[in-house]
Amino acid sequence: MKFITFARDEEQLPGLWLGGGRIADLSSAVGSIQELIEAGEAGLKAARDLAKDEDVNLSAAAVRLLAPIPRTRKNVFCIGRNYIEHVAEGARAAGQETRLPEYPQIFTKAPTAINAPGAPVRLDAGLTKLLDYEVELAVVIGKAGRDIPKDRAYEHVFGYTIANDVTARDLQRRHEQWFKGKSLDTSLPLGPWIVDAAEIGDPTTLELSLTVNGQERQRAKASMMIFDIPTIIASLSAGMTLEPGDIIATGTPSGVGYAMTPPQGLKDGDVVVARIDRIGELESPIKAV
């Protein structure tokens, strides 16, 4: 199932993407996708039942998709430097020796960074001269847990979506940490939906890619992560509770703009498309402000 949040008549409503130009309105069962995730198996059952109800089916053309969780209750967790070639290209750009991280490198993005599919990403030249892209597989937590062992990690996953970890590289360096450069408004396009874990199956088989104006910049399999999803969940949850609706962006492959020669920042009018097979695609136009 593909879980969406959509806007209709100024309301934010939970739904299912049915395909064939149709969606199912789930608002008679739950108030939001966050509530559906918290409801566990009962929420999934309600969604399955409503998907069969023609009375709640709508034309997808009549609504506007939002991020599947438009505002998380916490910062979005992110894993940095989690693909070998991305670590290597960063080291080359900095003139340093390549050294792989020994433990997951964890940072966060503010909930106010979350952006809808198709919505413009702000490019404020007064703030940044090097805005960059990063396609990432995002994990959505479904069941709360602390000190989750790796062999139980997938039991806590509700589903998966696409994230584009848009980054102001110069701010990232100026502040000598990653939060500010990663948390500008609109800098986390997310979606277009959450695909439930059962439908995805083994996430290591997923392939990620990203294009800018149709030119491919990134492509890799999720199996190429340095720290796999169970390791990430075990590390994050050690001594800290993960909760339903928490989102974890699992890192980006090589091909980012700042590591190109010369560096290639995003420009006004660029169109970035992040794709993950079996999930879909996430398009984001860049707009100067």
C-alpha atoms as a PDB file:
ATOM      1  CA  MET A   1       0.000   0.000   0.000  1.00  0.00           C
ATOM      2  CA  LYS A   2       1.070   3.555  -0.737  1.00  0.00           C
ATOM      3  CA  PHE A   3       0.130   5.959   2.055  1.00  0.00           C
ATOM      4  CA  ILE A   4      -0.276   9.630   1.159  1.00  0.00           C
ATOM      5  CA  THR A   5      -1.268  12.931   2.678  1.00  0.00           C
ATOM      6  CA  PHE A   6      -3.206  15.171   0.316  1.00  0.00           C
ATOM      7  CA  ALA A   7      -4.653  18.660   0.381  1.00  0.00           C
ATOM      8  CA  ARG A   8      -8.277  19.310  -0.489  1.00  0.00           C
ATOM      9  CA  ASP A   9     -10.235  22.469   0.363  1.00  0.00           C
ATOM     10  CA  GLU A  10      -7.370  23.642   2.621  1.00  0.00           C
ATOM     11  CA  GLU A  11      -7.523  20.406   4.620  1.00  0.00           C
ATOM     12  CA  GLN A  12      -4.690  17.915   5.050  1.00  0.00           C
ATOM     13  CA  LEU A  13      -6.141  14.423   4.721  1.00  0.00           C
ATOM     14  CA  PRO A  14      -4.727  10.891   4.912  1.00  0.00           C
ATOM     15  CA  GLY A  15      -5.159   8.612   1.946  1.00  0.00           C
ATOM     16  CA  LEU A  16      -4.022   5.696  -0.159  1.00  0.00           C
ATOM     17  CA  TRP A  17      -2.635   5.968  -3.667  1.00  0.00           C
ATOM     18  CA  LEU A  18      -4.575   3.354  -5.610  1.00  0.00           C
ATOM     19  CA  GLY A  19      -3.110   3.860  -9.074  1.00  0.00           C
ATOM     20  CA  GLY A  20      -5.143   4.379 -12.194  1.00  0.00           C
ATOM     21  CA  GLY A  21      -5.591   8.028 -11.284  1.00  0.00           C
ATOM     22  CA  ARG A  22      -7.506   7.239  -8.082  1.00  0.00           C
ATOM     23  CA  ILE A  23      -6.888   7.671  -4.365  1.00  0.00           C
ATOM     24  CA  ALA A  24      -8.815   6.541  -1.304  1.00  0.00           C
ATOM     25  CA  ASP A  25      -9.693   9.067   1.409  1.00  0.00           C
ATOM     26  CA  LEU A  26      -8.884   7.494   4.803  1.00  0.00           C
ATOM     27  CA  SER A  27     -10.116  10.400   6.940  1.00  0.00           C
ATOM     28  CA  SER A  28     -13.199   8.527   8.116  1.00  0.00           C
ATOM     29  CA  ALA A  29     -10.885   6.086   9.908  1.00  0.00           C
ATOM     30  CA  VAL A  30      -7.885   8.185  11.005  1.00  0.00           C
ATOM     31  CA  GLY A  31      -7.007  11.850  11.218  1.00  0.00           C
ATOM     32  CA  SER A  32      -3.551  11.583   9.690  1.00  0.00           C
ATOM     33  CA  ILE A  33      -0.927   9.157   8.428  1.00  0.00           C
ATOM     34  CA  GLN A  34       0.860   9.699  11.747  1.00  0.00           C
ATOM     35  CA  GLU A  35      -2.239   8.414  13.566  1.00  0.00           C
ATOM     36  CA  LEU A  36      -2.528   5.488  11.162  1.00  0.00           C
ATOM     37  CA  ILE A  37       1.068   4.450  11.860  1.00  0.00           C
ATOM     38  CA  GLU A  38       0.491   4.719  15.601  1.00  0.00           C
ATOM     39  CA  ALA A  39      -2.596   2.492  15.280  1.00  0.00           C
ATOM     40  CA  GLY A  40      -0.438  -0.418  14.097  1.00  0.00           C
ATOM     41  CA  GLU A  41      -2.196  -3.388  12.530  1.00  0.00           C
ATOM     42  CA  ALA A  42      -5.618  -1.837  13.202  1.00  0.00           C
ATOM     43  CA  GLY A  43      -4.629   1.158  11.094  1.00  0.00           C
ATOM     44  CA  LEU A  44      -3.455  -1.066   8.246  1.00  0.00           C
ATOM     45  CA  LYS A  45      -6.696  -3.053   8.352  1.00  0.00           C
ATOM     46  CA  ALA A  46      -8.777   0.124   8.224  1.00  0.00           C
ATOM     47  CA  ALA A  47      -6.793   1.282   5.197  1.00  0.00           C
ATOM     48  CA  ARG A  48      -7.291  -2.048   3.410  1.00  0.00           C
ATOM     49  CA  ASP A  49     -11.034  -1.943   4.061  1.00  0.00           C
ATOM     50  CA  LEU A  50     -11.442   1.640   2.862  1.00  0.00           C
ATOM     51  CA  ALA A  51      -9.416   0.950  -0.279  1.00  0.00           C
ATOM     52  CA  LYS A  52     -12.288  -1.300  -1.379  1.00  0.00           C
ATOM     53  CA  ASP A  53     -14.963   1.330  -0.702  1.00  0.00           C
ATOM     54  CA  GLU A  54     -15.910   3.131  -3.913  1.00  0.00           C
ATOM     55  CA  ASP A  55     -17.605   5.884  -1.873  1.00  0.00           C
ATOM     56  CA  VAL A  56     -14.255   7.181  -0.579  1.00  0.00           C
ATOM     57  CA  ASN A  57     -12.385   6.949  -3.892  1.00  0.00           C
ATOM     58  CA  LEU A  58     -11.365  10.274  -5.434  1.00  0.00           C
ATOM     59  CA  SER A  59      -9.649  11.422  -8.590  1.00  0.00           C
ATOM     60  CA  ALA A  60      -5.963  11.999  -7.913  1.00  0.00           C
ATOM     61  CA  ALA A  61      -6.110  14.945 -10.324  1.00  0.00           C
ATOM     62  CA  ALA A  62      -8.485  16.748  -7.958  1.00  0.00           C
ATOM     63  CA  VAL A  63      -6.062  16.830  -5.025  1.00  0.00           C
ATOM     64  CA  ARG A  64      -2.517  17.984  -4.283  1.00  0.00           C
ATOM     65  CA  LEU A  65      -0.004  15.627  -2.724  1.00  0.00           C
ATOM     66  CA  LEU A  66       1.832  16.739   0.395  1.00  0.00           C
ATOM     67  CA  ALA A  67       4.713  15.013   2.117  1.00  0.00           C
ATOM     68  CA  PRO A  68       3.273  11.764   3.533  1.00  0.00           C
ATOM     69  CA  ILE A  69       4.040  13.074   7.039  1.00  0.00           C
ATOM     70  CA  PRO A  70       3.946  16.840   6.481  1.00  0.00           C
ATOM     71  CA  ARG A  71       5.496  17.629   9.860  1.00  0.00           C
ATOM     72  CA  THR A  72       7.208  15.037  12.002  1.00  0.00           C
ATOM     73  CA  ARG A  73       6.998  15.218  15.780  1.00  0.00           C
ATOM     74  CA  LYS A  74      10.783  15.144  16.015  1.00  0.00           C
ATOM     75  CA  ASN A  75      13.653  16.197  13.846  1.00  0.00           C
ATOM     76  CA  VAL A  76      14.258  13.824  10.961  1.00  0.00           C
ATOM     77  CA  PHE A  77      17.195  11.512  11.712  1.00  0.00           C
ATOM     78  CA  CYS A  78      19.852  11.349   8.995  1.00  0.00           C
ATOM     79  CA  ILE A  79      22.920   9.207   8.404  1.00  0.00           C
ATOM     80  CA  GLY A  80      25.931  10.903   6.857  1.00  0.00           C
ATOM     81  CA  ARG A  81      28.677   9.381   4.719  1.00  0.00           C
ATOM     82  CA  ASN A  82      27.045   5.965   4.382  1.00  0.00           C
ATOM     83  CA  TYR A  83      28.196   4.926   0.880  1.00  0.00           C
ATOM     84  CA  ILE A  84      31.877   4.205   0.234  1.00  0.00           C
ATOM     85  CA  GLU A  85      32.095   6.132  -3.042  1.00  0.00           C
ATOM     86  CA  HIS A  86      30.390   9.159  -1.470  1.00  0.00           C
ATOM     87  CA  VAL A  87      32.959   9.133   1.353  1.00  0.00           C
ATOM     88  CA  ALA A  88      35.715   8.877  -1.252  1.00  0.00           C
ATOM     89  CA  GLU A  89      34.437  11.753  -3.404  1.00  0.00           C
ATOM     90  CA  GLY A  90      34.137  13.962  -0.338  1.00  0.00           C
ATOM     91  CA  ALA A  91      37.696  13.166   0.667  1.00  0.00           C
ATOM     92  CA  ARG A  92      38.947  13.947  -2.838  1.00  0.00           C
ATOM     93  CA  ALA A  93      37.113  17.273  -2.871  1.00  0.00           C
ATOM     94  CA  ALA A  94      38.718  18.178   0.461  1.00  0.00           C
ATOM     95  CA  GLY A  95      42.167  16.905  -0.532  1.00  0.00           C
ATOM     96  CA  GLN A  96      42.121  14.325   2.236  1.00  0.00           C
ATOM     97  CA  GLU A  97      42.730  10.621   2.603  1.00  0.00           C
ATOM     98  CA  THR A  98      39.614   8.446   2.413  1.00  0.00           C
ATOM     99  CA  ARG A  99      38.691   7.121   5.832  1.00  0.00           C
ATOM    100  CA  LEU A 100      35.459   5.225   6.321  1.00  0.00           C
ATOM    101  CA  PRO A 101      33.421   5.958   9.445  1.00  0.00           C
ATOM    102  CA  GLU A 102      33.593   3.322  12.186  1.00  0.00           C
ATOM    103  CA  TYR A 103      30.096   4.103  13.457  1.00  0.00           C
ATOM    104  CA  PRO A 104      27.014   5.648  11.833  1.00  0.00           C
ATOM    105  CA  GLN A 105      27.358   9.426  11.612  1.00  0.00           C
ATOM    106  CA  ILE A 106      24.063  10.818  12.829  1.00  0.00           C
ATOM    107  CA  PHE A 107      22.637  14.310  12.354  1.00  0.00           C
ATOM    108  CA  THR A 108      19.124  15.716  12.058  1.00  0.00           C
ATOM    109  CA  LYS A 109      17.034  18.010   9.906  1.00  0.00           C
ATOM    110  CA  ALA A 110      14.337  20.246  11.376  1.00  0.00           C
ATOM    111  CA  PRO A 111      10.669  19.299  10.766  1.00  0.00           C
ATOM    112  CA  THR A 112      10.199  22.701   9.104  1.00  0.00           C
ATOM    113  CA  ALA A 113      12.544  21.537   6.319  1.00  0.00           C
ATOM    114  CA  ILE A 114      10.016  18.950   5.086  1.00  0.00           C
ATOM    115  CA  ASN A 115       8.710  19.764   1.605  1.00  0.00           C
ATOM    116  CA  ALA A 116       5.952  18.341  -0.579  1.00  0.00           C
ATOM    117  CA  PRO A 117       6.433  16.413  -3.833  1.00  0.00           C
ATOM    118  CA  GLY A 118       6.607  18.866  -6.720  1.00  0.00           C
ATOM    119  CA  ALA A 119       6.902  21.888  -4.442  1.00  0.00           C
ATOM    120  CA  PRO A 120       9.716  24.376  -5.098  1.00  0.00           C
ATOM    121  CA  VAL A 121      12.940  24.198  -3.125  1.00  0.00           C
ATOM    122  CA  ARG A 122      14.030  27.690  -2.079  1.00  0.00           C
ATOM    123  CA  LEU A 123      17.361  28.959  -3.359  1.00  0.00           C
ATOM    124  CA  ASP A 124      18.286  32.028  -1.346  1.00  0.00           C
ATOM    125  CA  ALA A 125      21.474  33.491  -2.802  1.00  0.00           C
ATOM    126  CA  GLY A 126      21.832  35.639   0.294  1.00  0.00           C
ATOM    127  CA  LEU A 127      22.253  32.481   2.362  1.00  0.00           C
ATOM    128  CA  THR A 128      24.013  29.965   0.142  1.00  0.00           C
ATOM    129  CA  LYS A 129      26.128  29.872  -2.990  1.00  0.00           C
ATOM    130  CA  LEU A 130      26.281  26.056  -3.164  1.00  0.00           C
ATOM    131  CA  LEU A 131      22.919  24.320  -2.807  1.00  0.00           C
ATOM    132  CA  ASP A 132      23.223  20.577  -3.364  1.00  0.00           C
ATOM    133  CA  TYR A 133      21.047  17.456  -3.678  1.00  0.00           C
ATOM    134  CA  GLU A 134      21.187  13.988  -2.061  1.00  0.00           C
ATOM    135  CA  VAL A 135      18.796  11.154  -2.937  1.00  0.00           C
ATOM    136  CA  GLU A 136      18.185   8.899   0.069  1.00  0.00           C
ATOM    137  CA  LEU A 137      16.088   5.914   1.078  1.00  0.00           C
ATOM    138  CA  ALA A 138      14.051   6.982   4.111  1.00  0.00           C
ATOM    139  CA  VAL A 139      12.836   4.491   6.718  1.00  0.00           C
ATOM    140  CA  VAL A 140       9.604   5.193   8.608  1.00  0.00           C
ATOM    141  CA  ILE A 141       9.403   3.690  12.088  1.00  0.00           C
ATOM    142  CA  GLY A 142       6.157   1.888  12.902  1.00  0.00           C
ATOM    143  CA  LYS A 143       6.683   0.431  16.373  1.00  0.00           C
ATOM    144  CA  ALA A 144       8.337   2.144  19.317  1.00  0.00           C
ATOM    145  CA  GLY A 145      11.481   0.668  20.766  1.00  0.00           C
ATOM    146  CA  ARG A 146      14.680   1.329  22.665  1.00  0.00           C
ATOM    147  CA  ASP A 147      17.840  -0.783  22.532  1.00  0.00           C
ATOM    148  CA  ILE A 148      16.477  -2.582  19.467  1.00  0.00           C
ATOM    149  CA  PRO A 149      18.734  -5.510  18.473  1.00  0.00           C
ATOM    150  CA  LYS A 150      19.716  -5.746  14.828  1.00  0.00           C
ATOM    151  CA  ASP A 151      17.887  -9.028  14.347  1.00  0.00           C
ATOM    152  CA  ARG A 152      14.601  -7.396  15.425  1.00  0.00           C
ATOM    153  CA  ALA A 153      15.089  -4.077  13.630  1.00  0.00           C
ATOM    154  CA  TYR A 154      12.777  -4.719  10.674  1.00  0.00           C
ATOM    155  CA  GLU A 155       9.926  -5.468  13.096  1.00  0.00           C
ATOM    156  CA  HIS A 156       9.966  -1.756  13.919  1.00  0.00           C
ATOM    157  CA  VAL A 157       9.750  -0.519  10.292  1.00  0.00           C
ATOM    158  CA  PHE A 158       6.392   0.680   8.962  1.00  0.00           C
ATOM    159  CA  GLY A 159       7.562   1.476   5.462  1.00  0.00           C
ATOM    160  CA  TYR A 160       9.842   3.404   3.141  1.00  0.00           C
ATOM    161  CA  THR A 161       9.816   6.648   1.189  1.00  0.00           C
ATOM    162  CA  ILE A 162      12.153   8.892  -0.815  1.00  0.00           C
ATOM    163  CA  ALA A 163      14.037  11.806   0.708  1.00  0.00           C
ATOM    164  CA  ASN A 164      16.118  14.474  -1.005  1.00  0.00           C
ATOM    165  CA  ASP A 165      18.524  15.816   1.612  1.00  0.00           C
ATOM    166  CA  VAL A 166      19.028  19.241   0.031  1.00  0.00           C
ATOM    167  CA  THR A 167      22.093  20.851   1.595  1.00  0.00           C
ATOM    168  CA  ALA A 168      23.633  24.315   1.688  1.00  0.00           C
ATOM    169  CA  ARG A 169      27.265  23.159   1.585  1.00  0.00           C
ATOM    170  CA  ASP A 170      28.775  26.519   2.468  1.00  0.00           C
ATOM    171  CA  LEU A 171      26.575  26.852   5.565  1.00  0.00           C
ATOM    172  CA  GLN A 172      27.411  23.276   6.508  1.00  0.00           C
ATOM    173  CA  ARG A 173      31.121  24.174   6.505  1.00  0.00           C
ATOM    174  CA  ARG A 174      30.770  27.650   7.993  1.00  0.00           C
ATOM    175  CA  HIS A 175      29.051  26.427  11.139  1.00  0.00           C
ATOM    176  CA  GLU A 176      31.368  23.388  11.473  1.00  0.00           C
ATOM    177  CA  GLN A 177      28.416  21.048  11.953  1.00  0.00           C
ATOM    178  CA  TRP A 178      25.632  19.916   9.656  1.00  0.00           C
ATOM    179  CA  PHE A 179      22.344  21.025  11.200  1.00  0.00           C
ATOM    180  CA  LYS A 180      22.054  24.589   9.867  1.00  0.00           C
ATOM    181  CA  GLY A 181      23.154  23.762   6.322  1.00  0.00           C
ATOM    182  CA  LYS A 182      20.748  20.818   6.249  1.00  0.00           C
ATOM    183  CA  SER A 183      17.675  22.473   7.791  1.00  0.00           C
ATOM    184  CA  LEU A 184      16.733  25.431   5.607  1.00  0.00           C
ATOM    185  CA  ASP A 185      13.011  25.647   4.883  1.00  0.00           C
ATOM    186  CA  THR A 186      11.925  23.372   1.984  1.00  0.00           C
ATOM    187  CA  SER A 187      15.262  21.487   2.061  1.00  0.00           C
ATOM    188  CA  LEU A 188      13.752  18.036   2.667  1.00  0.00           C
ATOM    189  CA  PRO A 189      11.478  17.002  -0.208  1.00  0.00           C
ATOM    190  CA  LEU A 190       9.778  13.813   0.992  1.00  0.00           C
ATOM    191  CA  GLY A 191       7.450  11.353  -0.668  1.00  0.00           C
ATOM    192  CA  PRO A 192       5.503  11.035  -2.787  1.00  0.00           C
ATOM    193  CA  TRP A 193       4.140   8.345  -0.462  1.00  0.00           C
ATOM    194  CA  ILE A 194       5.178   5.768   2.115  1.00  0.00           C
ATOM    195  CA  VAL A 195       5.174   2.215   0.783  1.00  0.00           C
ATOM    196  CA  ASP A 196       4.485  -0.307   3.523  1.00  0.00           C
ATOM    197  CA  ALA A 197       7.306  -2.639   4.487  1.00  0.00           C
ATOM    198  CA  ALA A 198       5.488  -5.793   3.394  1.00  0.00           C
ATOM    199  CA  GLU A 199       5.158  -4.496  -0.170  1.00  0.00           C
ATOM    200  CA  ILE A 200       8.847  -3.548  -0.402  1.00  0.00           C
ATOM    201  CA  GLY A 201      10.194  -6.772   1.051  1.00  0.00           C
ATOM    202  CA  ASP A 202      14.005  -6.695   1.143  1.00  0.00           C
ATOM    203  CA  PRO A 203      15.024  -3.004   0.998  1.00  0.00           C
ATOM    204  CA  THR A 204      18.645  -3.836   0.153  1.00  0.00           C
ATOM    205  CA  THR A 205      17.512  -4.670  -3.393  1.00  0.00           C
ATOM    206  CA  LEU A 206      16.222  -1.132  -4.008  1.00  0.00           C
ATOM    207  CA  GLU A 207      18.082   1.070  -6.481  1.00  0.00           C
ATOM    208  CA  LEU A 208      18.389   4.813  -5.927  1.00  0.00           C
ATOM    209  CA  SER A 209      19.030   7.402  -8.645  1.00  0.00           C
ATOM    210  CA  LEU A 210      18.835  11.145  -9.147  1.00  0.00           C
ATOM    211  CA  THR A 211      18.805  13.449 -12.166  1.00  0.00           C
ATOM    212  CA  VAL A 212      19.224  17.196 -12.565  1.00  0.00           C
ATOM    213  CA  ASN A 213      17.476  18.519 -15.681  1.00  0.00           C
ATOM    214  CA  GLY A 214      17.389  14.965 -17.001  1.00  0.00           C
ATOM    215  CA  GLN A 215      21.122  14.350 -16.518  1.00  0.00           C
ATOM    216  CA  GLU A 216      21.840  11.415 -14.236  1.00  0.00           C
ATOM    217  CA  ARG A 217      24.045  12.355 -11.278  1.00  0.00           C
ATOM    218  CA  GLN A 218      23.550   9.514  -8.784  1.00  0.00           C
ATOM    219  CA  ARG A 219      22.821   5.775  -8.953  1.00  0.00           C
ATOM    220  CA  ALA A 220      23.442   2.995  -6.428  1.00  0.00           C
ATOM    221  CA  LYS A 221      21.844  -0.003  -4.749  1.00  0.00           C
ATOM    222  CA  ALA A 222      20.804   0.238  -1.106  1.00  0.00           C
ATOM    223  CA  SER A 223      22.923  -2.869  -0.537  1.00  0.00           C
ATOM    224  CA  MET A 224      25.987  -0.619  -0.979  1.00  0.00           C
ATOM    225  CA  MET A 225      25.405   1.153   2.337  1.00  0.00           C
ATOM    226  CA  ILE A 226      28.311   0.996   4.789  1.00  0.00           C
ATOM    227  CA  PHE A 227      25.855   0.639   7.680  1.00  0.00           C
ATOM    228  CA  ASP A 228      22.716  -1.285   6.768  1.00  0.00           C
ATOM    229  CA  ILE A 229      19.237  -0.495   8.060  1.00  0.00           C
ATOM    230  CA  PRO A 230      19.341  -2.930  11.030  1.00  0.00           C
ATOM    231  CA  THR A 231      22.685  -1.458  12.133  1.00  0.00           C
ATOM    232  CA  ILE A 232      21.326   2.081  11.825  1.00  0.00           C
ATOM    233  CA  ILE A 233      18.201   1.277  13.841  1.00  0.00           C
ATOM    234  CA  ALA A 234      20.194  -0.550  16.525  1.00  0.00           C
ATOM    235  CA  SER A 235      22.661   2.332  16.801  1.00  0.00           C
ATOM    236  CA  LEU A 236      20.018   5.064  16.909  1.00  0.00           C
ATOM    237  CA  SER A 237      17.836   3.237  19.420  1.00  0.00           C
ATOM    238  CA  ALA A 238      20.672   2.446  21.826  1.00  0.00           C
ATOM    239  CA  GLY A 239      19.528   4.216  24.989  1.00  0.00           C
ATOM    240  CA  MET A 240      17.059   6.349  22.982  1.00  0.00           C
ATOM    241  CA  THR A 241      13.472   5.513  22.127  1.00  0.00           C
ATOM    242  CA  LEU A 242      12.403   5.500  18.508  1.00  0.00           C
ATOM    243  CA  GLU A 243       8.694   6.192  18.061  1.00  0.00           C
ATOM    244  CA  PRO A 244       6.036   5.610  15.393  1.00  0.00           C
ATOM    245  CA  GLY A 245       6.356   8.188  12.632  1.00  0.00           C
ATOM    246  CA  ASP A 246      10.057   8.808  13.193  1.00  0.00           C
ATOM    247  CA  ILE A 247      11.899   9.095   9.870  1.00  0.00           C
ATOM    248  CA  ILE A 248      15.481   7.996   9.211  1.00  0.00           C
ATOM    249  CA  ALA A 249      17.214   9.094   5.990  1.00  0.00           C
ATOM    250  CA  THR A 250      19.873   6.453   5.408  1.00  0.00           C
ATOM    251  CA  GLY A 251      22.543   8.346   3.449  1.00  0.00           C
ATOM    252  CA  THR A 252      23.294   9.244  -0.150  1.00  0.00           C
ATOM    253  CA  PRO A 253      25.433   7.656  -2.889  1.00  0.00           C
ATOM    254  CA  SER A 254      28.233   9.385  -4.786  1.00  0.00           C
ATOM    255  CA  GLY A 255      27.575  11.974  -7.475  1.00  0.00           C
ATOM    256  CA  VAL A 256      26.745  15.034  -5.380  1.00  0.00           C
ATOM    257  CA  GLY A 257      27.307  18.453  -6.874  1.00  0.00           C
ATOM    258  CA  TYR A 258      29.950  19.809  -4.509  1.00  0.00           C
ATOM    259  CA  ALA A 259      32.322  16.927  -5.339  1.00  0.00           C
ATOM    260  CA  MET A 260      32.198  17.560  -9.104  1.00  0.00           C
ATOM    261  CA  THR A 261      35.018  19.395 -10.909  1.00  0.00           C
ATOM    262  CA  PRO A 262      34.174  22.212 -10.852  1.00  0.00           C
ATOM    263  CA  PRO A 263      31.474  22.035  -8.134  1.00  0.00           C
ATOM    264  CA  GLN A 264      27.946  22.128  -9.559  1.00  0.00           C
ATOM    265  CA  GLY A 265      25.448  23.882  -7.296  1.00  0.00           C
ATOM    266  CA  LEU A 266      21.743  23.898  -8.049  1.00  0.00           C
ATOM    267  CA  LYS A 267      20.439  26.912  -9.965  1.00  0.00           C
ATOM    268  CA  ASP A 268      17.129  28.688 -10.354  1.00  0.00           C
ATOM    269  CA  GLY A 269      14.928  26.685 -12.721  1.00  0.00           C
ATOM    270  CA  ASP A 270      16.729  23.369 -12.251  1.00  0.00           C
ATOM    271  CA  VAL A 271      14.511  20.308 -11.829  1.00  0.00           C
ATOM    272  CA  VAL A 272      15.756  17.543  -9.547  1.00  0.00           C
ATOM    273  CA  VAL A 273      14.147  14.096  -9.739  1.00  0.00           C
ATOM    274  CA  ALA A 274      14.997  11.522  -7.063  1.00  0.00           C
ATOM    275  CA  ARG A 275      13.915   7.950  -7.824  1.00  0.00           C
ATOM    276  CA  ILE A 276      13.858   4.660  -5.949  1.00  0.00           C
ATOM    277  CA  ASP A 277      12.510   1.625  -7.762  1.00  0.00           C
ATOM    278  CA  ARG A 278       9.392   0.039  -6.260  1.00  0.00           C
ATOM    279  CA  ILE A 279       8.703   3.335  -4.481  1.00  0.00           C
ATOM    280  CA  GLY A 280       8.474   5.978  -7.214  1.00  0.00           C
ATOM    281  CA  GLU A 281       9.908   9.381  -8.019  1.00  0.00           C
ATOM    282  CA  LEU A 282      10.130  12.689  -6.204  1.00  0.00           C
ATOM    283  CA  GLU A 283      10.407  15.820  -8.353  1.00  0.00           C
ATOM    284  CA  SER A 284      11.588  19.163  -6.984  1.00  0.00           C
ATOM    285  CA  PRO A 285      12.007  22.384  -8.982  1.00  0.00           C
ATOM    286  CA  ILE A 286      14.569  24.887  -7.698  1.00  0.00           C
ATOM    287  CA  LYS A 287      13.288  28.441  -7.275  1.00  0.00           C
ATOM    288  CA  ALA A 288      15.322  31.537  -6.452  1.00  0.00           C
ATOM    289  CA  VAL A 289      13.810  33.751  -3.745  1.00  0.00           C
END
